N, C-alpha and C. Protein backbone atom coordinates (compact mmCIF):
# COMPACT_ATOMS: atom_id res chain seq x y z
N MET A 1 30.03 -22.70 -17.91
CA MET A 1 29.23 -23.94 -17.72
C MET A 1 29.68 -24.70 -18.94
N ARG A 2 29.51 -26.02 -18.76
CA ARG A 2 29.95 -27.05 -19.97
C ARG A 2 28.60 -27.36 -20.74
N GLU A 3 28.79 -27.84 -21.60
CA GLU A 3 27.64 -28.35 -22.42
C GLU A 3 27.18 -29.66 -21.75
N PRO A 4 25.87 -30.01 -21.93
CA PRO A 4 25.58 -31.30 -21.21
C PRO A 4 26.11 -32.54 -22.15
N THR A 5 26.30 -33.63 -21.48
CA THR A 5 26.64 -34.93 -22.25
C THR A 5 25.59 -35.45 -22.83
N GLU A 6 25.79 -36.29 -23.70
CA GLU A 6 24.70 -37.13 -24.75
C GLU A 6 23.68 -37.68 -23.50
N GLN A 7 24.48 -38.52 -22.54
CA GLN A 7 23.79 -39.08 -21.66
C GLN A 7 22.93 -38.31 -20.84
N GLU A 8 23.37 -37.03 -20.34
CA GLU A 8 22.66 -36.14 -19.68
C GLU A 8 21.43 -35.65 -20.31
N LEU A 9 21.70 -35.37 -21.54
CA LEU A 9 20.58 -35.18 -22.40
C LEU A 9 19.42 -36.20 -22.33
N ILE A 10 19.87 -37.36 -22.39
CA ILE A 10 18.94 -38.56 -22.63
C ILE A 10 18.15 -38.56 -21.27
N GLN A 11 18.68 -38.40 -20.14
CA GLN A 11 18.27 -38.48 -18.79
C GLN A 11 17.48 -37.34 -18.36
N THR A 12 17.31 -36.21 -19.40
CA THR A 12 16.78 -35.14 -18.87
C THR A 12 15.25 -34.89 -19.58
N THR A 13 14.45 -34.66 -18.72
CA THR A 13 13.02 -34.35 -19.33
C THR A 13 12.72 -32.75 -19.23
N VAL A 14 12.33 -32.33 -20.35
CA VAL A 14 11.86 -30.79 -20.39
C VAL A 14 10.36 -30.92 -20.61
N LEU A 15 9.60 -30.29 -19.73
CA LEU A 15 8.36 -30.25 -19.87
C LEU A 15 7.82 -28.92 -20.20
N THR A 16 6.94 -28.68 -20.95
CA THR A 16 6.18 -27.18 -21.43
C THR A 16 4.89 -27.76 -20.80
N LEU A 17 4.23 -26.72 -20.17
CA LEU A 17 3.04 -26.82 -19.90
C LEU A 17 2.03 -25.36 -20.11
N PRO A 18 1.32 -25.44 -21.11
CA PRO A 18 0.65 -24.20 -21.16
C PRO A 18 -0.51 -23.97 -20.04
N LEU A 19 -0.34 -22.55 -19.56
CA LEU A 19 -1.15 -22.29 -18.27
C LEU A 19 -2.33 -21.43 -19.09
N THR A 20 -3.36 -22.03 -19.23
CA THR A 20 -4.60 -21.44 -19.68
C THR A 20 -5.35 -20.67 -18.65
N GLU A 21 -5.00 -21.05 -17.26
CA GLU A 21 -5.82 -20.39 -16.13
C GLU A 21 -4.90 -20.44 -15.02
N ALA A 22 -4.71 -19.34 -14.20
CA ALA A 22 -3.87 -19.55 -13.23
C ALA A 22 -4.80 -18.52 -12.02
N SER A 23 -4.35 -18.59 -10.68
CA SER A 23 -4.82 -18.01 -9.67
C SER A 23 -3.76 -17.77 -8.61
N ALA A 24 -3.77 -16.69 -8.10
CA ALA A 24 -2.93 -16.25 -6.89
C ALA A 24 -3.65 -15.25 -5.98
N LYS A 25 -3.35 -15.35 -4.73
CA LYS A 25 -4.02 -14.62 -3.60
C LYS A 25 -2.84 -13.80 -3.25
N ILE A 26 -2.71 -12.60 -3.51
CA ILE A 26 -1.73 -11.72 -3.14
C ILE A 26 -2.37 -10.52 -2.38
N ARG A 27 -1.97 -10.30 -1.20
CA ARG A 27 -2.32 -9.15 -0.40
C ARG A 27 -1.25 -8.84 0.83
N THR A 28 -1.59 -7.82 1.50
CA THR A 28 -0.86 -7.40 2.62
C THR A 28 -1.83 -7.10 3.72
N GLY A 29 -1.36 -7.22 5.05
CA GLY A 29 -2.27 -6.87 5.95
C GLY A 29 -2.89 -8.24 6.58
N PRO A 30 -3.56 -7.95 7.73
CA PRO A 30 -4.51 -8.98 8.06
C PRO A 30 -5.72 -9.70 7.41
N PRO A 31 -6.10 -10.74 7.54
CA PRO A 31 -7.21 -11.33 6.92
C PRO A 31 -8.57 -10.28 6.96
N LEU A 32 -9.39 -10.57 5.87
CA LEU A 32 -10.50 -9.84 5.68
C LEU A 32 -11.59 -10.62 5.83
N ASP A 33 -12.08 -11.44 6.82
CA ASP A 33 -13.21 -12.30 6.82
C ASP A 33 -14.59 -11.89 7.01
N ASP A 34 -15.45 -12.56 6.45
CA ASP A 34 -16.74 -12.13 6.80
C ASP A 34 -17.09 -12.01 8.08
N GLU A 35 -17.95 -11.13 8.52
CA GLU A 35 -18.30 -11.05 9.94
C GLU A 35 -18.66 -12.34 10.76
N GLU A 36 -19.46 -13.21 10.13
CA GLU A 36 -19.98 -14.39 10.58
C GLU A 36 -18.66 -15.40 10.64
N ASP A 37 -17.76 -15.24 10.13
CA ASP A 37 -16.58 -16.40 10.04
C ASP A 37 -15.65 -15.84 11.32
N TYR A 38 -15.94 -14.75 12.05
CA TYR A 38 -15.22 -14.56 13.36
C TYR A 38 -15.88 -15.19 14.38
N ALA A 39 -17.08 -15.69 14.16
CA ALA A 39 -17.88 -16.33 15.45
C ALA A 39 -17.46 -17.76 15.61
N MET A 40 -16.76 -18.43 14.55
CA MET A 40 -16.39 -19.54 14.39
C MET A 40 -15.18 -19.95 15.20
N ASN A 41 -15.05 -21.07 15.93
CA ASN A 41 -14.01 -21.31 16.57
C ASN A 41 -12.81 -21.87 15.98
N VAL A 42 -12.13 -21.22 14.91
CA VAL A 42 -10.91 -21.76 14.05
C VAL A 42 -10.04 -20.36 14.08
N TRP A 43 -8.80 -20.95 14.00
CA TRP A 43 -7.63 -19.81 13.71
C TRP A 43 -7.75 -19.09 12.43
N ALA A 44 -7.49 -17.76 12.42
CA ALA A 44 -7.38 -17.14 11.27
C ALA A 44 -5.93 -16.21 11.46
N GLY A 45 -5.42 -15.86 10.28
CA GLY A 45 -4.09 -15.09 10.56
C GLY A 45 -3.30 -15.46 9.35
N VAL A 46 -2.05 -14.94 9.44
CA VAL A 46 -1.08 -14.95 8.44
C VAL A 46 0.09 -15.69 8.90
N VAL A 47 0.66 -16.52 8.06
CA VAL A 47 1.88 -17.18 8.03
C VAL A 47 2.81 -16.50 7.09
N PRO A 48 3.76 -15.58 7.74
CA PRO A 48 4.94 -15.00 6.74
C PRO A 48 5.84 -15.82 6.21
N LEU A 49 6.10 -15.66 4.88
CA LEU A 49 7.15 -16.52 4.31
C LEU A 49 8.13 -15.61 3.87
N LYS A 50 9.44 -15.93 3.82
CA LYS A 50 10.31 -15.33 3.08
C LYS A 50 11.64 -16.18 2.80
N LEU A 51 12.23 -15.73 1.61
CA LEU A 51 13.39 -16.52 1.00
C LEU A 51 14.77 -15.91 1.70
N VAL A 52 15.58 -16.77 2.27
CA VAL A 52 16.89 -15.95 2.89
C VAL A 52 17.81 -16.94 2.40
N ALA A 53 18.91 -16.22 1.73
CA ALA A 53 20.16 -16.82 1.43
C ALA A 53 21.01 -17.44 2.58
N GLY A 54 21.43 -18.47 2.64
CA GLY A 54 22.05 -19.17 3.57
C GLY A 54 23.81 -18.86 3.37
N GLU A 55 24.59 -19.68 4.21
CA GLU A 55 26.05 -19.44 4.06
C GLU A 55 26.47 -20.41 2.77
N PRO A 56 27.34 -19.87 2.00
CA PRO A 56 27.85 -20.68 0.94
C PRO A 56 28.25 -22.18 1.47
N ILE A 57 28.23 -23.15 0.60
CA ILE A 57 28.85 -24.49 1.03
C ILE A 57 29.53 -25.03 -0.25
N ASN A 58 30.92 -25.40 0.13
CA ASN A 58 31.82 -25.77 -0.95
C ASN A 58 31.35 -27.19 -1.52
N ASP A 59 31.47 -27.35 -2.71
CA ASP A 59 31.53 -28.63 -3.15
C ASP A 59 32.33 -29.38 -2.54
N PRO A 60 32.18 -30.76 -2.00
CA PRO A 60 33.12 -31.50 -1.40
C PRO A 60 34.30 -32.14 -2.19
N ARG A 61 34.26 -31.94 -3.67
CA ARG A 61 35.23 -32.17 -4.58
C ARG A 61 36.07 -31.00 -5.07
N LEU A 62 35.77 -29.86 -4.46
CA LEU A 62 36.44 -28.62 -4.68
C LEU A 62 37.95 -28.83 -4.29
N PRO A 63 38.93 -28.48 -5.18
CA PRO A 63 40.31 -28.70 -4.56
C PRO A 63 40.59 -27.63 -3.59
N GLU A 64 41.63 -27.87 -2.65
CA GLU A 64 41.88 -26.96 -1.51
C GLU A 64 42.47 -25.78 -1.96
N GLY A 65 42.08 -24.68 -1.31
CA GLY A 65 42.93 -23.43 -1.46
C GLY A 65 41.68 -22.48 -2.37
N ILE A 66 40.82 -23.05 -2.90
CA ILE A 66 39.83 -22.22 -3.54
C ILE A 66 38.79 -21.46 -2.95
N GLU A 67 38.92 -20.41 -2.49
CA GLU A 67 38.12 -19.55 -1.67
C GLU A 67 36.71 -19.28 -2.20
N VAL A 68 35.67 -19.23 -1.40
CA VAL A 68 34.39 -18.60 -1.76
C VAL A 68 34.49 -17.22 -2.36
N PRO A 69 34.08 -16.99 -3.62
CA PRO A 69 34.04 -15.78 -4.05
C PRO A 69 33.51 -14.73 -3.40
N GLU A 70 33.52 -13.56 -3.44
CA GLU A 70 32.96 -12.40 -2.84
C GLU A 70 31.52 -12.43 -3.26
N TYR A 71 31.22 -12.52 -4.51
CA TYR A 71 29.84 -12.49 -4.82
C TYR A 71 29.15 -13.38 -4.18
N ALA A 72 29.61 -14.50 -3.81
CA ALA A 72 28.56 -15.80 -3.15
C ALA A 72 28.73 -15.59 -1.67
N ARG A 73 29.81 -15.05 -1.53
CA ARG A 73 29.98 -14.86 0.32
C ARG A 73 29.04 -13.74 0.73
N ASN A 74 29.07 -12.68 -0.03
CA ASN A 74 28.09 -11.48 0.28
C ASN A 74 26.82 -11.32 -0.33
N TYR A 75 26.22 -12.59 -1.03
CA TYR A 75 24.90 -12.45 -1.65
C TYR A 75 23.80 -12.23 -0.80
N ARG A 76 23.01 -11.39 -1.15
CA ARG A 76 21.89 -11.02 -0.39
C ARG A 76 20.79 -10.59 -1.55
N ARG A 77 19.68 -11.10 -1.16
CA ARG A 77 18.46 -11.00 -1.89
C ARG A 77 17.55 -9.61 -1.47
N SER A 78 17.22 -8.89 -2.48
CA SER A 78 16.47 -7.59 -2.05
C SER A 78 15.12 -7.63 -2.37
């Protein structure tokens, strides 16, 4: 990687944000709602999310003849 130019540094903002409090809901399996919630006429469930690597896309300015390296071609997230 190259060092950023002076102009790039001027145009870049670095933000630090102290986290004094954070929250996350992490669990597996179906929802565990209160019994009275099941009487309500609303959907309950889980929308699974996953991160998937796609096919490598060459930079349009890449000179001809430069192949996608194996590490990029065979990248898989574990």
